Amino acid sequence: MLGPNGPAVTGIKLPVLICPTSSLANPIPVSKFQVLTPSYVGVSGASATGPPGSAFPETRIRNFSACSGHVGQMS
């Protein structure tokens, strides 16, 4: 259920949120609405070492495993 926002978002597509090579259905039905589901994975650009010569390495990177079996890192 989308509450009062359902009518406002139904059928809206924002191409910048949809990966052109994704095979995921978009939009998807949620209750009586058609809702956009972003198909890009969040990428923050953090690196444990930073770019070569960088004085700003990211020290808060943690490994994680999603419930779907995918693994990655998050900062």
C-alpha atoms as a PDB file:
ATOM      1  CA  MET A   1       0.000   0.000   0.000  1.00  0.00           C
ATOM      2  CA  LEU A   2       1.389   3.383  -0.970  1.00  0.00           C
ATOM      3  CA  GLY A   3      -0.967   5.512   1.065  1.00  0.00           C
ATOM      4  CA  PRO A   4      -1.665   9.004  -0.274  1.00  0.00           C
ATOM      5  CA  ASN A   5       1.446   8.994  -2.508  1.00  0.00           C
ATOM      6  CA  GLY A   6       0.201   6.162  -4.733  1.00  0.00           C
ATOM      7  CA  PRO A   7      -1.715   8.337  -7.199  1.00  0.00           C
ATOM      8  CA  ALA A   8       1.191  10.795  -7.382  1.00  0.00           C
ATOM      9  CA  VAL A   9       3.825   8.184  -8.323  1.00  0.00           C
ATOM     10  CA  THR A  10       1.861   5.696 -10.402  1.00  0.00           C
ATOM     11  CA  GLY A  11       3.240   5.346 -13.906  1.00  0.00           C
ATOM     12  CA  ILE A  12       6.083   7.849 -13.453  1.00  0.00           C
ATOM     13  CA  LYS A  13       9.374   6.755 -15.020  1.00  0.00           C
ATOM     14  CA  LEU A  14      12.631   8.546 -14.322  1.00  0.00           C
ATOM     15  CA  PRO A  15      15.124   7.199 -16.890  1.00  0.00           C
ATOM     16  CA  VAL A  16      18.092   8.249 -14.751  1.00  0.00           C
ATOM     17  CA  LEU A  17      17.057   5.598 -12.181  1.00  0.00           C
ATOM     18  CA  ILE A  18      16.681   2.732 -14.667  1.00  0.00           C
ATOM     19  CA  CYS A  19      19.720   0.784 -15.864  1.00  0.00           C
ATOM     20  CA  PRO A  20      19.325   0.348 -19.641  1.00  0.00           C
ATOM     21  CA  THR A  21      20.684  -3.221 -19.515  1.00  0.00           C
ATOM     22  CA  SER A  22      18.541  -4.358 -16.591  1.00  0.00           C
ATOM     23  CA  SER A  23      16.104  -7.193 -17.193  1.00  0.00           C
ATOM     24  CA  LEU A  24      14.007  -6.222 -14.160  1.00  0.00           C
ATOM     25  CA  ALA A  25      10.398  -5.297 -14.810  1.00  0.00           C
ATOM     26  CA  ASN A  26       9.690  -1.612 -14.469  1.00  0.00           C
ATOM     27  CA  PRO A  27       7.329  -0.314 -13.274  1.00  0.00           C
ATOM     28  CA  ILE A  28       6.002  -3.001 -10.948  1.00  0.00           C
ATOM     29  CA  PRO A  29       2.462  -3.365  -9.655  1.00  0.00           C
ATOM     30  CA  VAL A  30       2.007  -2.335  -6.029  1.00  0.00           C
ATOM     31  CA  SER A  31      -1.606  -2.597  -4.962  1.00  0.00           C
ATOM     32  CA  LYS A  32      -3.477  -0.790  -7.745  1.00  0.00           C
ATOM     33  CA  PHE A  33      -0.500   1.387  -8.727  1.00  0.00           C
ATOM     34  CA  GLN A  34       2.457   1.004 -11.115  1.00  0.00           C
ATOM     35  CA  VAL A  35       5.607   2.026  -9.244  1.00  0.00           C
ATOM     36  CA  LEU A  36       9.121   2.680 -10.526  1.00  0.00           C
ATOM     37  CA  THR A  37      11.833   0.544  -8.921  1.00  0.00           C
ATOM     38  CA  PRO A  38      15.369   1.877  -9.370  1.00  0.00           C
ATOM     39  CA  SER A  39      17.614  -0.765 -10.917  1.00  0.00           C
ATOM     40  CA  TYR A  40      21.022   0.697 -10.118  1.00  0.00           C
ATOM     41  CA  VAL A  41      22.999  -0.485  -7.117  1.00  0.00           C
ATOM     42  CA  GLY A  42      24.066   2.285  -4.744  1.00  0.00           C
ATOM     43  CA  VAL A  43      27.620   3.331  -5.530  1.00  0.00           C
ATOM     44  CA  SER A  44      29.246   5.840  -3.253  1.00  0.00           C
ATOM     45  CA  GLY A  45      32.719   5.860  -4.747  1.00  0.00           C
ATOM     46  CA  ALA A  46      34.432   5.061  -1.466  1.00  0.00           C
ATOM     47  CA  SER A  47      37.648   3.089  -1.541  1.00  0.00           C
ATOM     48  CA  ALA A  48      39.574   1.557   1.331  1.00  0.00           C
ATOM     49  CA  THR A  49      42.781   3.109   0.018  1.00  0.00           C
ATOM     50  CA  GLY A  50      41.463   6.092  -1.902  1.00  0.00           C
ATOM     51  CA  PRO A  51      42.944   7.141  -5.232  1.00  0.00           C
ATOM     52  CA  PRO A  52      46.716   6.773  -5.635  1.00  0.00           C
ATOM     53  CA  GLY A  53      48.441   9.408  -3.534  1.00  0.00           C
ATOM     54  CA  SER A  54      45.233  10.286  -1.680  1.00  0.00           C
ATOM     55  CA  ALA A  55      45.370  11.535   1.864  1.00  0.00           C
ATOM     56  CA  PHE A  56      41.710  10.615   2.364  1.00  0.00           C
ATOM     57  CA  PRO A  57      41.254   6.832   2.524  1.00  0.00           C
ATOM     58  CA  GLU A  58      37.833   5.616   3.642  1.00  0.00           C
ATOM     59  CA  THR A  59      38.204   3.749   6.938  1.00  0.00           C
ATOM     60  CA  ARG A  60      34.513   2.959   7.557  1.00  0.00           C
ATOM     61  CA  ILE A  61      34.094   0.327   4.818  1.00  0.00           C
ATOM     62  CA  ARG A  62      32.329  -2.838   5.982  1.00  0.00           C
ATOM     63  CA  ASN A  63      31.625  -6.039   4.080  1.00  0.00           C
ATOM     64  CA  PHE A  64      28.008  -7.169   3.937  1.00  0.00           C
ATOM     65  CA  SER A  65      25.932  -9.941   2.485  1.00  0.00           C
ATOM     66  CA  ALA A  66      22.430  -9.171   1.265  1.00  0.00           C
ATOM     67  CA  CYS A  67      19.564 -11.584   1.807  1.00  0.00           C
ATOM     68  CA  SER A  68      19.602 -12.413  -1.916  1.00  0.00           C
ATOM     69  CA  GLY A  69      23.112 -13.849  -1.605  1.00  0.00           C
ATOM     70  CA  HIS A  70      24.924 -10.888  -3.160  1.00  0.00           C
ATOM     71  CA  VAL A  71      27.942  -9.540  -1.325  1.00  0.00           C
ATOM     72  CA  GLY A  72      29.530  -6.120  -1.361  1.00  0.00           C
ATOM     73  CA  GLN A  73      30.983  -3.305   0.663  1.00  0.00           C
ATOM     74  CA  MET A  74      29.362  -0.278   2.218  1.00  0.00           C
ATOM     75  CA  SER A  75      30.809   2.812   3.817  1.00  0.00           C
END
